[in-house]
Amino acid sequence: PGGSLRLSCAASGSVFRLYTMGWYRQAPGKQRE
């Protein structure tokens, strides 16, 4: 707790700049949010 991480997502196969991008998460036993 209190620490840091950096997540990265590499995209390929299409024109990246045309896409809305996002991050979702799913905790154990919960829905993806």
All heavy atoms as atom14 arrays in JSON, in Angstrom:
{
  "sequence": "PGGSLRLSCAASGSVFRLYTMGWYRQAPGKQRE",
  "atom14_mask": [
    [1, 1, 1, 1, 1, 1, 1, 0, 0, 0, 0, 0, 0, 0],
    [1, 1, 1, 1, 0, 0, 0, 0, 0, 0, 0, 0, 0, 0],
    [1, 1, 1, 1, 0, 0, 0, 0, 0, 0, 0, 0, 0, 0],
    [1, 1, 1, 1, 1, 1, 0, 0, 0, 0, 0, 0, 0, 0],
    [1, 1, 1, 1, 1, 1, 1, 1, 0, 0, 0, 0, 0, 0],
    [1, 1, 1, 1, 1, 1, 1, 1, 1, 1, 1, 0, 0, 0],
    [1, 1, 1, 1, 1, 1, 1, 1, 0, 0, 0, 0, 0, 0],
    [1, 1, 1, 1, 1, 1, 0, 0, 0, 0, 0, 0, 0, 0],
    [1, 1, 1, 1, 1, 1, 0, 0, 0, 0, 0, 0, 0, 0],
    [1, 1, 1, 1, 1, 0, 0, 0, 0, 0, 0, 0, 0, 0],
    [1, 1, 1, 1, 1, 0, 0, 0, 0, 0, 0, 0, 0, 0],
    [1, 1, 1, 1, 1, 1, 0, 0, 0, 0, 0, 0, 0, 0],
    [1, 1, 1, 1, 0, 0, 0, 0, 0, 0, 0, 0, 0, 0],
    [1, 1, 1, 1, 1, 1, 0, 0, 0, 0, 0, 0, 0, 0],
    [1, 1, 1, 1, 1, 1, 1, 0, 0, 0, 0, 0, 0, 0],
    [1, 1, 1, 1, 1, 1, 1, 1, 1, 1, 1, 0, 0, 0],
    [1, 1, 1, 1, 1, 1, 1, 1, 1, 1, 1, 0, 0, 0],
    [1, 1, 1, 1, 1, 1, 1, 1, 0, 0, 0, 0, 0, 0],
    [1, 1, 1, 1, 1, 1, 1, 1, 1, 1, 1, 1, 0, 0],
    [1, 1, 1, 1, 1, 1, 1, 0, 0, 0, 0, 0, 0, 0],
    [1, 1, 1, 1, 1, 1, 1, 1, 0, 0, 0, 0, 0, 0],
    [1, 1, 1, 1, 0, 0, 0, 0, 0, 0, 0, 0, 0, 0],
    [1, 1, 1, 1, 1, 1, 1, 1, 1, 1, 1, 1, 1, 1],
    [1, 1, 1, 1, 1, 1, 1, 1, 1, 1, 1, 1, 0, 0],
    [1, 1, 1, 1, 1, 1, 1, 1, 1, 1, 1, 0, 0, 0],
    [1, 1, 1, 1, 1, 1, 1, 1, 1, 0, 0, 0, 0, 0],
    [1, 1, 1, 1, 1, 0, 0, 0, 0, 0, 0, 0, 0, 0],
    [1, 1, 1, 1, 1, 1, 1, 0, 0, 0, 0, 0, 0, 0],
    [1, 1, 1, 1, 0, 0, 0, 0, 0, 0, 0, 0, 0, 0],
    [1, 1, 1, 1, 1, 1, 1, 1, 1, 0, 0, 0, 0, 0],
    [1, 1, 1, 1, 1, 1, 1, 1, 1, 0, 0, 0, 0, 0],
    [1, 1, 1, 1, 1, 1, 1, 1, 1, 1, 1, 0, 0, 0],
    [1, 1, 1, 1, 1, 1, 1, 1, 1, 0, 0, 0, 0, 0]
  ],
  "atom14_positions": [
    [[0.83, -1.22, 0.0], [0.0, 0.0, 0.0], [0.86, 1.26, 0.0], [1.88, 1.32, 0.69], [-0.79, -0.13, 1.31], [-0.88, -1.61, 1.53], [0.44, -2.15, 1.05], [0.0, 0.0, 0.0], [0.0, 0.0, 0.0], [0.0, 0.0, 0.0], [0.0, 0.0, 0.0], [0.0, 0.0, 0.0], [0.0, 0.0, 0.0], [0.0, 0.0, 0.0]],
    [[0.44, 2.23, -0.8], [1.22, 3.46, -0.96], [2.22, 3.39, -2.09], [2.81, 4.42, -2.45], [0.0, 0.0, 0.0], [0.0, 0.0, 0.0], [0.0, 0.0, 0.0], [0.0, 0.0, 0.0], [0.0, 0.0, 0.0], [0.0, 0.0, 0.0], [0.0, 0.0, 0.0], [0.0, 0.0, 0.0], [0.0, 0.0, 0.0], [0.0, 0.0, 0.0]],
    [[2.42, 2.21, -2.64], [3.39, 2.05, -3.71], [2.84, 2.44, -5.07], [1.7, 2.91, -5.2], [0.0, 0.0, 0.0], [0.0, 0.0, 0.0], [0.0, 0.0, 0.0], [0.0, 0.0, 0.0], [0.0, 0.0, 0.0], [0.0, 0.0, 0.0], [0.0, 0.0, 0.0], [0.0, 0.0, 0.0], [0.0, 0.0, 0.0], [0.0, 0.0, 0.0]],
    [[3.69, 2.22, -6.08], [3.34, 2.63, -7.44], [3.61, 1.5, -8.44], [4.5, 0.67, -8.21], [4.17, 3.85, -7.86], [3.9, 4.97, -7.05], [0.0, 0.0, 0.0], [0.0, 0.0, 0.0], [0.0, 0.0, 0.0], [0.0, 0.0, 0.0], [0.0, 0.0, 0.0], [0.0, 0.0, 0.0], [0.0, 0.0, 0.0], [0.0, 0.0, 0.0]],
    [[2.86, 1.5, -9.49], [3.07, 0.62, -10.64], [2.71, 1.41, -11.9], [1.9, 2.35, -11.84], [2.18, -0.62, -10.57], [2.53, -1.73, -9.59], [1.44, -2.78, -9.56], [3.88, -2.36, -9.94], [0.0, 0.0, 0.0], [0.0, 0.0, 0.0], [0.0, 0.0, 0.0], [0.0, 0.0, 0.0], [0.0, 0.0, 0.0], [0.0, 0.0, 0.0]],
    [[3.29, 0.99, -13.01], [2.9, 1.56, -14.29], [2.52, 0.45, -15.23], [3.34, -0.42, -15.54], [4.02, 2.4, -14.9], [3.55, 3.18, -16.14], [4.61, 4.09, -16.7], [5.63, 3.37, -17.44], [6.48, 3.95, -18.27], [6.44, 5.27, -18.45], [7.38, 3.23, -18.89], [0.0, 0.0, 0.0], [0.0, 0.0, 0.0], [0.0, 0.0, 0.0]],
    [[1.27, 0.48, -15.67], [0.78, -0.5, -16.63], [0.92, 0.06, -18.04], [0.73, 1.26, -18.28], [-0.67, -0.84, -16.37], [-1.04, -1.3, -14.96], [-2.51, -1.71, -14.9], [-0.14, -2.44, -14.52], [0.0, 0.0, 0.0], [0.0, 0.0, 0.0], [0.0, 0.0, 0.0], [0.0, 0.0, 0.0], [0.0, 0.0, 0.0], [0.0, 0.0, 0.0]],
    [[1.25, -0.83, -18.96], [1.39, -0.45, -20.35], [0.54, -1.38, -21.21], [0.43, -2.58, -20.93], [2.86, -0.54, -20.77], [3.01, -0.18, -22.13], [0.0, 0.0, 0.0], [0.0, 0.0, 0.0], [0.0, 0.0, 0.0], [0.0, 0.0, 0.0], [0.0, 0.0, 0.0], [0.0, 0.0, 0.0], [0.0, 0.0, 0.0], [0.0, 0.0, 0.0]],
    [[-0.04, -0.83, -22.25], [-0.82, -1.61, -23.21], [-0.31, -1.28, -24.6], [-0.38, -0.12, -25.04], [-2.3, -1.27, -23.09], [-3.34, -2.02, -24.34], [0.0, 0.0, 0.0], [0.0, 0.0, 0.0], [0.0, 0.0, 0.0], [0.0, 0.0, 0.0], [0.0, 0.0, 0.0], [0.0, 0.0, 0.0], [0.0, 0.0, 0.0], [0.0, 0.0, 0.0]],
    [[0.2, -2.29, -25.27], [0.69, -2.13, -26.64], [-0.38, -2.59, -27.62], [-0.91, -3.69, -27.49], [1.96, -2.93, -26.84], [0.0, 0.0, 0.0], [0.0, 0.0, 0.0], [0.0, 0.0, 0.0], [0.0, 0.0, 0.0], [0.0, 0.0, 0.0], [0.0, 0.0, 0.0], [0.0, 0.0, 0.0], [0.0, 0.0, 0.0], [0.0, 0.0, 0.0]],
    [[-0.69, -1.73, -28.58], [-1.74, -2.03, -29.56], [-1.13, -2.25, -30.93], [-0.16, -1.6, -31.31], [-2.74, -0.88, -29.62], [0.0, 0.0, 0.0], [0.0, 0.0, 0.0], [0.0, 0.0, 0.0], [0.0, 0.0, 0.0], [0.0, 0.0, 0.0], [0.0, 0.0, 0.0], [0.0, 0.0, 0.0], [0.0, 0.0, 0.0], [0.0, 0.0, 0.0]],
    [[-1.73, -3.16, -31.68], [-1.28, -3.42, -33.04], [-2.47, -3.85, -33.89], [-3.5, -4.26, -33.36], [-0.2, -4.51, -33.06], [-0.72, -5.72, -32.56], [0.0, 0.0, 0.0], [0.0, 0.0, 0.0], [0.0, 0.0, 0.0], [0.0, 0.0, 0.0], [0.0, 0.0, 0.0], [0.0, 0.0, 0.0], [0.0, 0.0, 0.0], [0.0, 0.0, 0.0]],
    [[-2.3, -3.74, -35.19], [-3.29, -4.29, -36.1], [-4.23, -3.29, -36.71], [-4.99, -3.62, -37.61], [0.0, 0.0, 0.0], [0.0, 0.0, 0.0], [0.0, 0.0, 0.0], [0.0, 0.0, 0.0], [0.0, 0.0, 0.0], [0.0, 0.0, 0.0], [0.0, 0.0, 0.0], [0.0, 0.0, 0.0], [0.0, 0.0, 0.0], [0.0, 0.0, 0.0]],
    [[-4.24, -2.06, -36.22], [-5.16, -1.08, -36.78], [-4.63, 0.32, -36.51], [-3.51, 0.48, -36.02], [-6.56, -1.26, -36.18], [-7.5, -0.48, -36.89], [0.0, 0.0, 0.0], [0.0, 0.0, 0.0], [0.0, 0.0, 0.0], [0.0, 0.0, 0.0], [0.0, 0.0, 0.0], [0.0, 0.0, 0.0], [0.0, 0.0, 0.0], [0.0, 0.0, 0.0]],
    [[-5.39, 1.32, -36.83], [-4.95, 2.69, -36.65], [-5.27, 3.12, -35.22], [-6.4, 3.5, -34.89], [-5.62, 3.63, -37.66], [-5.07, 5.05, -37.5], [-5.4, 3.13, -39.08], [0.0, 0.0, 0.0], [0.0, 0.0, 0.0], [0.0, 0.0, 0.0], [0.0, 0.0, 0.0], [0.0, 0.0, 0.0], [0.0, 0.0, 0.0], [0.0, 0.0, 0.0]],
    [[-4.26, 3.08, -34.38], [-4.42, 3.24, -32.94], [-5.1, 4.57, -32.6], [-5.97, 4.63, -31.74], [-3.05, 3.15, -32.29], [-3.04, 3.42, -30.81], [-3.46, 2.45, -29.92], [-2.61, 4.64, -30.32], [-3.45, 2.69, -28.55], [-2.58, 4.89, -28.97], [-3.01, 3.92, -28.07], [0.0, 0.0, 0.0], [0.0, 0.0, 0.0], [0.0, 0.0, 0.0]],
    [[-4.71, 5.63, -33.29], [-5.18, 6.96, -32.91], [-6.69, 7.14, -33.11], [-7.26, 8.11, -32.62], [-4.42, 8.02, -33.7], [-4.61, 7.93, -35.2], [-3.81, 9.0, -35.93], [-3.86, 8.82, -37.37], [-4.85, 9.2, -38.13], [-5.89, 9.81, -37.6], [-4.81, 9.0, -39.45], [0.0, 0.0, 0.0], [0.0, 0.0, 0.0], [0.0, 0.0, 0.0]],
    [[-7.31, 6.22, -33.81], [-8.75, 6.32, -34.06], [-9.6, 5.69, -32.95], [-10.83, 5.78, -32.99], [-9.1, 5.67, -35.39], [-8.45, 6.29, -36.62], [-8.9, 5.54, -37.87], [-8.79, 7.77, -36.74], [0.0, 0.0, 0.0], [0.0, 0.0, 0.0], [0.0, 0.0, 0.0], [0.0, 0.0, 0.0], [0.0, 0.0, 0.0], [0.0, 0.0, 0.0]],
    [[-8.93, 5.06, -31.98], [-9.65, 4.31, -30.96], [-9.68, 5.08, -29.64], [-8.67, 5.64, -29.21], [-8.97, 2.96, -30.71], [-9.22, 1.96, -31.82], [-8.51, 2.04, -33.01], [-10.16, 0.96, -31.67], [-8.75, 1.14, -34.04], [-10.4, 0.04, -32.68], [-9.69, 0.14, -33.86], [-9.93, -0.75, -34.87], [0.0, 0.0, 0.0], [0.0, 0.0, 0.0]],
    [[-10.84, 5.06, -28.98], [-10.9, 5.42, -27.58], [-10.29, 4.27, -26.79], [-10.65, 3.11, -27.0], [-12.34, 5.67, -27.13], [-12.81, 6.89, -27.72], [-12.45, 5.78, -25.62], [0.0, 0.0, 0.0], [0.0, 0.0, 0.0], [0.0, 0.0, 0.0], [0.0, 0.0, 0.0], [0.0, 0.0, 0.0], [0.0, 0.0, 0.0], [0.0, 0.0, 0.0]],
    [[-9.36, 4.6, -25.89], [-8.66, 3.58, -25.12], [-9.05, 3.68, -23.65], [-9.41, 4.76, -23.17], [-7.15, 3.74, -25.27], [-6.65, 3.66, -26.7], [-7.01, 2.07, -27.47], [-6.06, 0.97, -26.41], [0.0, 0.0, 0.0], [0.0, 0.0, 0.0], [0.0, 0.0, 0.0], [0.0, 0.0, 0.0], [0.0, 0.0, 0.0], [0.0, 0.0, 0.0]],
    [[-8.93, 2.57, -22.97], [-9.27, 2.62, -21.55], [-8.67, 1.47, -20.78], [-8.1, 0.53, -21.35], [0.0, 0.0, 0.0], [0.0, 0.0, 0.0], [0.0, 0.0, 0.0], [0.0, 0.0, 0.0], [0.0, 0.0, 0.0], [0.0, 0.0, 0.0], [0.0, 0.0, 0.0], [0.0, 0.0, 0.0], [0.0, 0.0, 0.0], [0.0, 0.0, 0.0]],
    [[-8.78, 1.59, -19.48], [-8.4, 0.53, -18.55], [-9.6, 0.18, -17.69], [-10.3, 1.08, -17.18], [-7.24, 0.98, -17.65], [-5.94, 1.1, -18.35], [-5.4, 2.22, -18.9], [-5.0, 0.04, -18.57], [-4.19, 1.94, -19.46], [-3.91, 0.6, -19.26], [-4.96, -1.31, -18.25], [-2.79, -0.14, -19.65], [-3.86, -2.05, -18.62], [-2.79, -1.48, -19.32]],
    [[-9.84, -1.11, -17.54], [-10.86, -1.64, -16.66], [-10.16, -2.58, -15.68], [-9.03, -3.01, -15.92], [-11.91, -2.42, -17.45], [-12.86, -1.56, -18.23], [-12.43, -0.8, -19.32], [-14.22, -1.51, -17.9], [-13.31, 0.0, -20.03], [-15.11, -0.71, -18.61], [-14.65, 0.03, -19.68], [-15.52, 0.81, -20.39], [0.0, 0.0, 0.0], [0.0, 0.0, 0.0]],
    [[-10.84, -2.89, -14.6], [-10.28, -3.86, -13.67], [-11.39, -4.75, -13.13], [-12.56, -4.37, -13.1], [-9.55, -3.16, -12.51], [-10.46, -2.38, -11.57], [-9.63, -1.61, -10.56], [-10.47, -0.8, -9.68], [-10.01, 0.13, -8.86], [-8.71, 0.38, -8.81], [-10.83, 0.82, -8.1], [0.0, 0.0, 0.0], [0.0, 0.0, 0.0], [0.0, 0.0, 0.0]],
    [[-10.98, -5.93, -12.7], [-11.91, -6.88, -12.11], [-11.29, -7.45, -10.85], [-10.27, -8.15, -10.92], [-12.26, -7.98, -13.1], [-13.37, -8.89, -12.61], [-13.95, -9.74, -13.73], [-13.35, -9.89, -14.79], [-15.13, -10.27, -13.51], [0.0, 0.0, 0.0], [0.0, 0.0, 0.0], [0.0, 0.0, 0.0], [0.0, 0.0, 0.0], [0.0, 0.0, 0.0]],
    [[-11.92, -7.12, -9.72], [-11.47, -7.67, -8.44], [-12.1, -9.04, -8.24], [-13.14, -9.35, -8.83], [-11.88, -6.72, -7.31], [0.0, 0.0, 0.0], [0.0, 0.0, 0.0], [0.0, 0.0, 0.0], [0.0, 0.0, 0.0], [0.0, 0.0, 0.0], [0.0, 0.0, 0.0], [0.0, 0.0, 0.0], [0.0, 0.0, 0.0], [0.0, 0.0, 0.0]],
    [[-11.49, -9.86, -7.39], [-12.03, -11.21, -7.15], [-13.49, -11.14, -6.69], [-13.82, -10.39, -5.77], [-11.13, -11.74, -6.04], [-9.85, -11.0, -6.21], [-10.23, -9.63, -6.67], [0.0, 0.0, 0.0], [0.0, 0.0, 0.0], [0.0, 0.0, 0.0], [0.0, 0.0, 0.0], [0.0, 0.0, 0.0], [0.0, 0.0, 0.0], [0.0, 0.0, 0.0]],
    [[-14.36, -11.88, -7.35], [-15.76, -11.94, -6.98], [-16.58, -10.75, -7.38], [-17.76, -10.65, -6.99], [0.0, 0.0, 0.0], [0.0, 0.0, 0.0], [0.0, 0.0, 0.0], [0.0, 0.0, 0.0], [0.0, 0.0, 0.0], [0.0, 0.0, 0.0], [0.0, 0.0, 0.0], [0.0, 0.0, 0.0], [0.0, 0.0, 0.0], [0.0, 0.0, 0.0]],
    [[-16.02, -9.82, -8.13], [-16.74, -8.61, -8.53], [-16.79, -8.49, -10.04], [-16.04, -9.14, -10.77], [-16.08, -7.38, -7.92], [-16.14, -7.34, -6.4], [-15.63, -6.02, -5.87], [-15.75, -5.95, -4.36], [-15.27, -4.63, -3.84], [0.0, 0.0, 0.0], [0.0, 0.0, 0.0], [0.0, 0.0, 0.0], [0.0, 0.0, 0.0], [0.0, 0.0, 0.0]],
    [[-17.67, -7.62, -10.51], [-17.77, -7.37, -11.93], [-16.64, -6.48, -12.42], [-16.06, -5.71, -11.64], [-19.13, -6.71, -12.24], [-20.32, -7.63, -12.06], [-21.61, -6.99, -12.53], [-21.75, -5.77, -12.52], [-22.55, -7.8, -12.97], [0.0, 0.0, 0.0], [0.0, 0.0, 0.0], [0.0, 0.0, 0.0], [0.0, 0.0, 0.0], [0.0, 0.0, 0.0]],
    [[-16.34, -6.58, -13.68], [-15.35, -5.71, -14.28], [-15.88, -4.27, -14.25], [-17.04, -4.03, -14.55], [-15.08, -6.13, -15.73], [-13.86, -5.52, -16.35], [-13.57, -6.12, -17.71], [-13.29, -7.55, -17.62], [-12.85, -8.28, -18.66], [-12.65, -7.69, -19.84], [-12.63, -9.57, -18.51], [0.0, 0.0, 0.0], [0.0, 0.0, 0.0], [0.0, 0.0, 0.0]],
    [[-14.99, -3.34, -13.88], [-15.41, -1.95, -13.77], [-14.43, -1.02, -14.5], [-13.24, -1.32, -14.64], [-15.48, -1.51, -12.3], [-14.17, -1.51, -11.56], [-14.22, -0.82, -10.21], [-15.26, -0.24, -9.84], [-13.18, -0.85, -9.51], [0.0, 0.0, 0.0], [0.0, 0.0, 0.0], [0.0, 0.0, 0.0], [0.0, 0.0, 0.0], [0.0, 0.0, 0.0]]
  ]
}
